[in-house]
Amino acid sequence: EGGGDVGGAWYWNRYPGAMCDTAAM
């Protein structure tokens, strides 16, 4: 993994308001 941890896009995306708009369940 190129990032410093697992998570992919969710490792990189830390902008204010970042969330997924598909239901978490």
mmCIF file of all heavy atoms, coordinates in Angstrom:
data_MODEL
# 
_entry.id   MODEL 
# 
loop_
_atom_site.group_PDB 
_atom_site.id 
_atom_site.type_symbol 
_atom_site.label_atom_id 
_atom_site.label_alt_id 
_atom_site.label_comp_id 
_atom_site.label_asym_id 
_atom_site.label_entity_id 
_atom_site.label_seq_id 
_atom_site.pdbx_PDB_ins_code 
_atom_site.Cartn_x 
_atom_site.Cartn_y 
_atom_site.Cartn_z 
_atom_site.occupancy 
_atom_site.B_iso_or_equiv 
_atom_site.pdbx_formal_charge 
_atom_site.auth_seq_id 
_atom_site.auth_comp_id 
_atom_site.auth_asym_id 
_atom_site.auth_atom_id 
_atom_site.pdbx_PDB_model_num 
ATOM 1   N N   . GLU A 1 1  ? 0.835   -1.202 0.000  1.00 0.00 ? 1  GLU A N   1 
ATOM 2   C CA  . GLU A 1 1  ? 0.000   0.000  0.000  1.00 0.00 ? 1  GLU A CA  1 
ATOM 3   C C   . GLU A 1 1  ? 0.873   1.257  0.000  1.00 0.00 ? 1  GLU A C   1 
ATOM 4   O O   . GLU A 1 1  ? 1.810   1.372  0.800  1.00 0.00 ? 1  GLU A O   1 
ATOM 5   C CB  . GLU A 1 1  ? -0.914  -0.010 1.232  1.00 0.00 ? 1  GLU A CB  1 
ATOM 6   C CG  . GLU A 1 1  ? -1.575  1.298  1.586  1.00 0.00 ? 1  GLU A CG  1 
ATOM 7   C CD  . GLU A 1 1  ? -2.441  1.851  0.463  1.00 0.00 ? 1  GLU A CD  1 
ATOM 8   O OE1 . GLU A 1 1  ? -3.189  1.070  -0.172 1.00 0.00 ? 1  GLU A OE1 1 
ATOM 9   O OE2 . GLU A 1 1  ? -2.365  3.070  0.214  1.00 0.00 ? 1  GLU A OE2 1 
ATOM 10  N N   . GLY A 1 2  ? 0.571   2.188  -0.905 1.00 0.00 ? 2  GLY A N   1 
ATOM 11  C CA  . GLY A 1 2  ? 1.365   3.406  -1.011 1.00 0.00 ? 2  GLY A CA  1 
ATOM 12  C C   . GLY A 1 2  ? 1.161   4.368  0.141  1.00 0.00 ? 2  GLY A C   1 
ATOM 13  O O   . GLY A 1 2  ? 2.062   5.141  0.488  1.00 0.00 ? 2  GLY A O   1 
ATOM 14  N N   . GLY A 1 3  ? -0.021  4.361  0.749  1.00 0.00 ? 3  GLY A N   1 
ATOM 15  C CA  . GLY A 1 3  ? -0.273  5.234  1.891  1.00 0.00 ? 3  GLY A CA  1 
ATOM 16  C C   . GLY A 1 3  ? 0.379   4.728  3.153  1.00 0.00 ? 3  GLY A C   1 
ATOM 17  O O   . GLY A 1 3  ? 0.809   3.574  3.236  1.00 0.00 ? 3  GLY A O   1 
ATOM 18  N N   . GLY A 1 4  ? 0.418   5.584  4.147  1.00 0.00 ? 4  GLY A N   1 
ATOM 19  C CA  . GLY A 1 4  ? 1.063   5.216  5.404  1.00 0.00 ? 4  GLY A CA  1 
ATOM 20  C C   . GLY A 1 4  ? 0.230   4.319  6.285  1.00 0.00 ? 4  GLY A C   1 
ATOM 21  O O   . GLY A 1 4  ? 0.686   3.903  7.353  1.00 0.00 ? 4  GLY A O   1 
ATOM 22  N N   . ASP A 1 5  ? -0.995  3.997  5.854  1.00 0.00 ? 5  ASP A N   1 
ATOM 23  C CA  . ASP A 1 5  ? -1.846  3.077  6.594  1.00 0.00 ? 5  ASP A CA  1 
ATOM 24  C C   . ASP A 1 5  ? -2.844  2.490  5.601  1.00 0.00 ? 5  ASP A C   1 
ATOM 25  O O   . ASP A 1 5  ? -2.901  2.891  4.436  1.00 0.00 ? 5  ASP A O   1 
ATOM 26  C CB  . ASP A 1 5  ? -2.587  3.810  7.721  1.00 0.00 ? 5  ASP A CB  1 
ATOM 27  C CG  . ASP A 1 5  ? -2.995  2.886  8.867  1.00 0.00 ? 5  ASP A CG  1 
ATOM 28  O OD1 . ASP A 1 5  ? -3.125  1.663  8.620  1.00 0.00 ? 5  ASP A OD1 1 
ATOM 29  O OD2 . ASP A 1 5  ? -3.196  3.378  9.991  1.00 0.00 ? 5  ASP A OD2 1 
ATOM 30  N N   . VAL A 1 6  ? -3.640  1.550  6.060  1.00 0.00 ? 6  VAL A N   1 
ATOM 31  C CA  . VAL A 1 6  ? -4.689  0.998  5.214  1.00 0.00 ? 6  VAL A CA  1 
ATOM 32  C C   . VAL A 1 6  ? -5.826  2.028  5.098  1.00 0.00 ? 6  VAL A C   1 
ATOM 33  O O   . VAL A 1 6  ? -5.837  3.043  5.788  1.00 0.00 ? 6  VAL A O   1 
ATOM 34  C CB  . VAL A 1 6  ? -5.225  -0.324 5.796  1.00 0.00 ? 6  VAL A CB  1 
ATOM 35  C CG1 . VAL A 1 6  ? -4.128  -1.371 5.853  1.00 0.00 ? 6  VAL A CG1 1 
ATOM 36  C CG2 . VAL A 1 6  ? -5.831  -0.097 7.187  1.00 0.00 ? 6  VAL A CG2 1 
ATOM 37  N N   . GLY A 1 7  ? -6.782  1.743  4.208  1.00 0.00 ? 7  GLY A N   1 
ATOM 38  C CA  . GLY A 1 7  ? -7.930  2.632  4.092  1.00 0.00 ? 7  GLY A CA  1 
ATOM 39  C C   . GLY A 1 7  ? -8.163  3.179  2.699  1.00 0.00 ? 7  GLY A C   1 
ATOM 40  O O   . GLY A 1 7  ? -9.249  3.646  2.389  1.00 0.00 ? 7  GLY A O   1 
ATOM 41  N N   . GLY A 1 8  ? -7.116  3.173  1.854  1.00 0.00 ? 8  GLY A N   1 
ATOM 42  C CA  . GLY A 1 8  ? -7.289  3.652  0.494  1.00 0.00 ? 8  GLY A CA  1 
ATOM 43  C C   . GLY A 1 8  ? -7.729  5.107  0.458  1.00 0.00 ? 8  GLY A C   1 
ATOM 44  O O   . GLY A 1 8  ? -7.122  5.972  1.101  1.00 0.00 ? 8  GLY A O   1 
ATOM 45  N N   . ALA A 1 9  ? -8.812  5.388  -0.275 1.00 0.00 ? 9  ALA A N   1 
ATOM 46  C CA  . ALA A 1 9  ? -9.305  6.761  -0.397 1.00 0.00 ? 9  ALA A CA  1 
ATOM 47  C C   . ALA A 1 9  ? -9.602  7.372  0.967  1.00 0.00 ? 9  ALA A C   1 
ATOM 48  O O   . ALA A 1 9  ? -9.481  8.591  1.156  1.00 0.00 ? 9  ALA A O   1 
ATOM 49  C CB  . ALA A 1 9  ? -10.561 6.779  -1.262 1.00 0.00 ? 9  ALA A CB  1 
ATOM 50  N N   . TRP A 1 10 ? -9.966  6.524  1.933  1.00 0.00 ? 10 TRP A N   1 
ATOM 51  C CA  . TRP A 1 10 ? -10.328 7.037  3.249  1.00 0.00 ? 10 TRP A CA  1 
ATOM 52  C C   . TRP A 1 10 ? -9.109  7.283  4.124  1.00 0.00 ? 10 TRP A C   1 
ATOM 53  O O   . TRP A 1 10 ? -9.242  7.813  5.236  1.00 0.00 ? 10 TRP A O   1 
ATOM 54  C CB  . TRP A 1 10 ? -11.317 6.089  3.913  1.00 0.00 ? 10 TRP A CB  1 
ATOM 55  C CG  . TRP A 1 10 ? -12.542 5.961  3.058  1.00 0.00 ? 10 TRP A CG  1 
ATOM 56  C CD1 . TRP A 1 10 ? -12.927 4.869  2.332  1.00 0.00 ? 10 TRP A CD1 1 
ATOM 57  C CD2 . TRP A 1 10 ? -13.506 6.982  2.793  1.00 0.00 ? 10 TRP A CD2 1 
ATOM 58  N NE1 . TRP A 1 10 ? -14.076 5.151  1.639  1.00 0.00 ? 10 TRP A NE1 1 
ATOM 59  C CE2 . TRP A 1 10 ? -14.448 6.432  1.892  1.00 0.00 ? 10 TRP A CE2 1 
ATOM 60  C CE3 . TRP A 1 10 ? -13.663 8.298  3.225  1.00 0.00 ? 10 TRP A CE3 1 
ATOM 61  C CZ2 . TRP A 1 10 ? -15.534 7.171  1.427  1.00 0.00 ? 10 TRP A CZ2 1 
ATOM 62  C CZ3 . TRP A 1 10 ? -14.748 9.026  2.759  1.00 0.00 ? 10 TRP A CZ3 1 
ATOM 63  C CH2 . TRP A 1 10 ? -15.667 8.459  1.876  1.00 0.00 ? 10 TRP A CH2 1 
ATOM 64  N N   . TYR A 1 11 ? -7.940  6.892  3.664  1.00 0.00 ? 11 TYR A N   1 
ATOM 65  C CA  . TYR A 1 11 ? -6.702  7.342  4.299  1.00 0.00 ? 11 TYR A CA  1 
ATOM 66  C C   . TYR A 1 11 ? -6.366  8.747  3.819  1.00 0.00 ? 11 TYR A C   1 
ATOM 67  O O   . TYR A 1 11 ? -5.960  9.609  4.597  1.00 0.00 ? 11 TYR A O   1 
ATOM 68  C CB  . TYR A 1 11 ? -5.560  6.377  3.965  1.00 0.00 ? 11 TYR A CB  1 
ATOM 69  C CG  . TYR A 1 11 ? -4.207  6.857  4.445  1.00 0.00 ? 11 TYR A CG  1 
ATOM 70  C CD1 . TYR A 1 11 ? -3.832  6.702  5.773  1.00 0.00 ? 11 TYR A CD1 1 
ATOM 71  C CD2 . TYR A 1 11 ? -3.308  7.464  3.569  1.00 0.00 ? 11 TYR A CD2 1 
ATOM 72  C CE1 . TYR A 1 11 ? -2.589  7.139  6.222  1.00 0.00 ? 11 TYR A CE1 1 
ATOM 73  C CE2 . TYR A 1 11 ? -2.064  7.901  4.002  1.00 0.00 ? 11 TYR A CE2 1 
ATOM 74  C CZ  . TYR A 1 11 ? -1.714  7.740  5.332  1.00 0.00 ? 11 TYR A CZ  1 
ATOM 75  O OH  . TYR A 1 11 ? -0.491  8.184  5.780  1.00 0.00 ? 11 TYR A OH  1 
ATOM 76  N N   . TRP A 1 12 ? -6.565  8.991  2.530  1.00 0.00 ? 12 TRP A N   1 
ATOM 77  C CA  . TRP A 1 12 ? -6.178  10.272 1.942  1.00 0.00 ? 12 TRP A CA  1 
ATOM 78  C C   . TRP A 1 12 ? -7.201  11.370 2.196  1.00 0.00 ? 12 TRP A C   1 
ATOM 79  O O   . TRP A 1 12 ? -6.843  12.521 2.426  1.00 0.00 ? 12 TRP A O   1 
ATOM 80  C CB  . TRP A 1 12 ? -5.960  10.114 0.439  1.00 0.00 ? 12 TRP A CB  1 
ATOM 81  C CG  . TRP A 1 12 ? -4.880  9.135  0.090  1.00 0.00 ? 12 TRP A CG  1 
ATOM 82  C CD1 . TRP A 1 12 ? -5.023  7.905  -0.474 1.00 0.00 ? 12 TRP A CD1 1 
ATOM 83  C CD2 . TRP A 1 12 ? -3.467  9.313  0.281  1.00 0.00 ? 12 TRP A CD2 1 
ATOM 84  N NE1 . TRP A 1 12 ? -3.808  7.301  -0.638 1.00 0.00 ? 12 TRP A NE1 1 
ATOM 85  C CE2 . TRP A 1 12 ? -2.824  8.137  -0.191 1.00 0.00 ? 12 TRP A CE2 1 
ATOM 86  C CE3 . TRP A 1 12 ? -2.690  10.337 0.804  1.00 0.00 ? 12 TRP A CE3 1 
ATOM 87  C CZ2 . TRP A 1 12 ? -1.455  7.977  -0.152 1.00 0.00 ? 12 TRP A CZ2 1 
ATOM 88  C CZ3 . TRP A 1 12 ? -1.314  10.180 0.843  1.00 0.00 ? 12 TRP A CZ3 1 
ATOM 89  C CH2 . TRP A 1 12 ? -0.714  9.011  0.377  1.00 0.00 ? 12 TRP A CH2 1 
ATOM 90  N N   . ASN A 1 13 ? -8.485  11.054 2.111  1.00 0.00 ? 13 ASN A N   1 
ATOM 91  C CA  . ASN A 1 13 ? -9.513  12.089 2.183  1.00 0.00 ? 13 ASN A CA  1 
ATOM 92  C C   . ASN A 1 13 ? -9.784  12.520 3.621  1.00 0.00 ? 13 ASN A C   1 
ATOM 93  O O   . ASN A 1 13 ? -10.473 11.829 4.372  1.00 0.00 ? 13 ASN A O   1 
ATOM 94  C CB  . ASN A 1 13 ? -10.809 11.592 1.539  1.00 0.00 ? 13 ASN A CB  1 
ATOM 95  C CG  . ASN A 1 13 ? -10.788 11.746 0.033  1.00 0.00 ? 13 ASN A CG  1 
ATOM 96  O OD1 . ASN A 1 13 ? -10.047 12.564 -0.510 1.00 0.00 ? 13 ASN A OD1 1 
ATOM 97  N ND2 . ASN A 1 13 ? -11.603 10.972 -0.655 1.00 0.00 ? 13 ASN A ND2 1 
ATOM 98  N N   . ARG A 1 14 ? -9.262  13.689 3.957  1.00 0.00 ? 14 ARG A N   1 
ATOM 99  C CA  . ARG A 1 14 ? -9.468  14.234 5.301  1.00 0.00 ? 14 ARG A CA  1 
ATOM 100 C C   . ARG A 1 14 ? -9.961  15.671 5.228  1.00 0.00 ? 14 ARG A C   1 
ATOM 101 O O   . ARG A 1 14 ? -9.812  16.443 6.180  1.00 0.00 ? 14 ARG A O   1 
ATOM 102 C CB  . ARG A 1 14 ? -8.171  14.137 6.105  1.00 0.00 ? 14 ARG A CB  1 
ATOM 103 C CG  . ARG A 1 14 ? -7.604  12.716 6.111  1.00 0.00 ? 14 ARG A CG  1 
ATOM 104 C CD  . ARG A 1 14 ? -6.452  12.552 7.060  1.00 0.00 ? 14 ARG A CD  1 
ATOM 105 N NE  . ARG A 1 14 ? -5.790  11.255 6.853  1.00 0.00 ? 14 ARG A NE  1 
ATOM 106 C CZ  . ARG A 1 14 ? -4.960  10.697 7.729  1.00 0.00 ? 14 ARG A CZ  1 
ATOM 107 N NH1 . ARG A 1 14 ? -4.687  11.305 8.870  1.00 0.00 ? 14 ARG A NH1 1 
ATOM 108 N NH2 . ARG A 1 14 ? -4.390  9.538  7.460  1.00 0.00 ? 14 ARG A NH2 1 
ATOM 109 N N   . TYR A 1 15 ? -10.537 16.018 4.101  1.00 0.00 ? 15 TYR A N   1 
ATOM 110 C CA  . TYR A 1 15 ? -11.066 17.377 3.941  1.00 0.00 ? 15 TYR A CA  1 
ATOM 111 C C   . TYR A 1 15 ? -12.294 17.562 4.846  1.00 0.00 ? 15 TYR A C   1 
ATOM 112 O O   . TYR A 1 15 ? -12.951 16.587 5.229  1.00 0.00 ? 15 TYR A O   1 
ATOM 113 C CB  . TYR A 1 15 ? -11.415 17.651 2.480  1.00 0.00 ? 15 TYR A CB  1 
ATOM 114 C CG  . TYR A 1 15 ? -12.431 16.718 1.865  1.00 0.00 ? 15 TYR A CG  1 
ATOM 115 C CD1 . TYR A 1 15 ? -13.800 16.945 2.001  1.00 0.00 ? 15 TYR A CD1 1 
ATOM 116 C CD2 . TYR A 1 15 ? -12.034 15.604 1.122  1.00 0.00 ? 15 TYR A CD2 1 
ATOM 117 C CE1 . TYR A 1 15 ? -14.731 16.104 1.433  1.00 0.00 ? 15 TYR A CE1 1 
ATOM 118 C CE2 . TYR A 1 15 ? -12.971 14.753 0.552  1.00 0.00 ? 15 TYR A CE2 1 
ATOM 119 C CZ  . TYR A 1 15 ? -14.314 15.008 0.708  1.00 0.00 ? 15 TYR A CZ  1 
ATOM 120 O OH  . TYR A 1 15 ? -15.248 14.171 0.147  1.00 0.00 ? 15 TYR A OH  1 
ATOM 121 N N   . PRO A 1 16 ? -12.629 18.788 5.204  1.00 0.00 ? 16 PRO A N   1 
ATOM 122 C CA  . PRO A 1 16 ? -13.783 19.001 6.094  1.00 0.00 ? 16 PRO A CA  1 
ATOM 123 C C   . PRO A 1 16 ? -15.077 18.537 5.434  1.00 0.00 ? 16 PRO A C   1 
ATOM 124 O O   . PRO A 1 16 ? -15.341 18.825 4.270  1.00 0.00 ? 16 PRO A O   1 
ATOM 125 C CB  . PRO A 1 16 ? -13.781 20.523 6.302  1.00 0.00 ? 16 PRO A CB  1 
ATOM 126 C CG  . PRO A 1 16 ? -13.011 21.069 5.144  1.00 0.00 ? 16 PRO A CG  1 
ATOM 127 C CD  . PRO A 1 16 ? -11.978 20.040 4.811  1.00 0.00 ? 16 PRO A CD  1 
ATOM 128 N N   . GLY A 1 17 ? -15.849 17.771 6.182  1.00 0.00 ? 17 GLY A N   1 
ATOM 129 C CA  . GLY A 1 17 ? -17.123 17.280 5.674  1.00 0.00 ? 17 GLY A CA  1 
ATOM 130 C C   . GLY A 1 17 ? -17.048 15.966 4.940  1.00 0.00 ? 17 GLY A C   1 
ATOM 131 O O   . GLY A 1 17 ? -18.076 15.459 4.474  1.00 0.00 ? 17 GLY A O   1 
ATOM 132 N N   . ALA A 1 18 ? -15.867 15.386 4.810  1.00 0.00 ? 18 ALA A N   1 
ATOM 133 C CA  . ALA A 1 18 ? -15.715 14.152 4.035  1.00 0.00 ? 18 ALA A CA  1 
ATOM 134 C C   . ALA A 1 18 ? -16.520 13.020 4.657  1.00 0.00 ? 18 ALA A C   1 
ATOM 135 O O   . ALA A 1 18 ? -16.395 12.734 5.846  1.00 0.00 ? 18 ALA A O   1 
ATOM 136 C CB  . ALA A 1 18 ? -14.238 13.751 3.958  1.00 0.00 ? 18 ALA A CB  1 
ATOM 137 N N   . MET A 1 19 ? -17.357 12.402 3.865  1.00 0.00 ? 19 MET A N   1 
ATOM 138 C CA  . MET A 1 19 ? -18.081 11.212 4.284  1.00 0.00 ? 19 MET A CA  1 
ATOM 139 C C   . MET A 1 19 ? -18.582 10.493 3.044  1.00 0.00 ? 19 MET A C   1 
ATOM 140 O O   . MET A 1 19 ? -18.566 11.042 1.944  1.00 0.00 ? 19 MET A O   1 
ATOM 141 C CB  . MET A 1 19 ? -19.240 11.533 5.231  1.00 0.00 ? 19 MET A CB  1 
ATOM 142 C CG  . MET A 1 19 ? -20.379 12.316 4.647  1.00 0.00 ? 19 MET A CG  1 
ATOM 143 S SD  . MET A 1 19 ? -21.863 12.341 5.726  1.00 0.00 ? 19 MET A SD  1 
ATOM 144 C CE  . MET A 1 19 ? -21.198 12.824 7.298  1.00 0.00 ? 19 MET A CE  1 
ATOM 145 N N   . CYS A 1 20 ? -19.017 9.256  3.218  1.00 0.00 ? 20 CYS A N   1 
ATOM 146 C CA  . CYS A 1 20 ? -19.567 8.495  2.107  1.00 0.00 ? 20 CYS A CA  1 
ATOM 147 C C   . CYS A 1 20 ? -21.069 8.717  2.076  1.00 0.00 ? 20 CYS A C   1 
ATOM 148 O O   . CYS A 1 20 ? -21.719 8.712  3.117  1.00 0.00 ? 20 CYS A O   1 
ATOM 149 C CB  . CYS A 1 20 ? -19.261 7.010  2.257  1.00 0.00 ? 20 CYS A CB  1 
ATOM 150 S SG  . CYS A 1 20 ? -19.881 6.036  0.874  1.00 0.00 ? 20 CYS A SG  1 
ATOM 151 N N   . ASP A 1 21 ? -21.623 8.941  0.873  1.00 0.00 ? 21 ASP A N   1 
ATOM 152 C CA  . ASP A 1 21 ? -23.070 9.133  0.816  1.00 0.00 ? 21 ASP A CA  1 
ATOM 153 C C   . ASP A 1 21 ? -23.794 7.879  0.337  1.00 0.00 ? 21 ASP A C   1 
ATOM 154 O O   . ASP A 1 21 ? -24.893 7.943  -0.205 1.00 0.00 ? 21 ASP A O   1 
ATOM 155 C CB  . ASP A 1 21 ? -23.455 10.359 -0.017 1.00 0.00 ? 21 ASP A CB  1 
ATOM 156 C CG  . ASP A 1 21 ? -22.877 10.356 -1.408 1.00 0.00 ? 21 ASP A CG  1 
ATOM 157 O OD1 . ASP A 1 21 ? -22.461 9.279  -1.866 1.00 0.00 ? 21 ASP A OD1 1 
ATOM 158 O OD2 . ASP A 1 21 ? -22.844 11.419 -2.046 1.00 0.00 ? 21 ASP A OD2 1 
ATOM 159 N N   . THR A 1 22 ? -23.157 6.728  0.544  1.00 0.00 ? 22 THR A N   1 
ATOM 160 C CA  . THR A 1 22 ? -23.874 5.448  0.515  1.00 0.00 ? 22 THR A CA  1 
ATOM 161 C C   . THR A 1 22 ? -24.042 5.012  1.970  1.00 0.00 ? 22 THR A C   1 
ATOM 162 O O   . THR A 1 22 ? -23.126 5.152  2.778  1.00 0.00 ? 22 THR A O   1 
ATOM 163 C CB  . THR A 1 22 ? -23.085 4.387  -0.275 1.00 0.00 ? 22 THR A CB  1 
ATOM 164 O OG1 . THR A 1 22 ? -22.937 4.819  -1.618 1.00 0.00 ? 22 THR A OG1 1 
ATOM 165 C CG2 . THR A 1 22 ? -23.815 3.045  -0.253 1.00 0.00 ? 22 THR A CG2 1 
ATOM 166 N N   . ALA A 1 23 ? -25.207 4.496  2.298  1.00 0.00 ? 23 ALA A N   1 
ATOM 167 C CA  . ALA A 1 23 ? -25.505 4.154  3.696  1.00 0.00 ? 23 ALA A CA  1 
ATOM 168 C C   . ALA A 1 23 ? -24.449 3.221  4.275  1.00 0.00 ? 23 ALA A C   1 
ATOM 169 O O   . ALA A 1 23 ? -24.050 2.233  3.649  1.00 0.00 ? 23 ALA A O   1 
ATOM 170 C CB  . ALA A 1 23 ? -26.887 3.515  3.787  1.00 0.00 ? 23 ALA A CB  1 
ATOM 171 N N   . ALA A 1 24 ? -24.010 3.524  5.493  1.00 0.00 ? 24 ALA A N   1 
ATOM 172 C CA  . ALA A 1 24 ? -22.908 2.792  6.117  1.00 0.00 ? 24 ALA A CA  1 
ATOM 173 C C   . ALA A 1 24 ? -23.211 1.313  6.298  1.00 0.00 ? 24 ALA A C   1 
ATOM 174 O O   . ALA A 1 24 ? -22.306 0.476  6.233  1.00 0.00 ? 24 ALA A O   1 
ATOM 175 C CB  . ALA A 1 24 ? -22.574 3.426  7.470  1.00 0.00 ? 24 ALA A CB  1 
ATOM 176 N N   . MET A 1 25 ? -24.468 0.954  6.501  1.00 0.00 ? 25 MET A N   1 
ATOM 177 C CA  . MET A 1 25 ? -24.816 -0.449 6.739  1.00 0.00 ? 25 MET A CA  1 
ATOM 178 C C   . MET A 1 25 ? -24.534 -1.318 5.520  1.00 0.00 ? 25 MET A C   1 
ATOM 179 O O   . MET A 1 25 ? -24.345 -2.534 5.645  1.00 0.00 ? 25 MET A O   1 
ATOM 180 C CB  . MET A 1 25 ? -26.288 -0.566 7.146  1.00 0.00 ? 25 MET A CB  1 
ATOM 181 C CG  . MET A 1 25 ? -26.632 0.190  8.428  1.00 0.00 ? 25 MET A CG  1 
ATOM 182 S SD  . MET A 1 25 ? -26.150 -0.677 9.929  1.00 0.00 ? 25 MET A SD  1 
ATOM 183 C CE  . MET A 1 25 ? -27.676 -1.584 10.280 1.00 0.00 ? 25 MET A CE  1 
# 
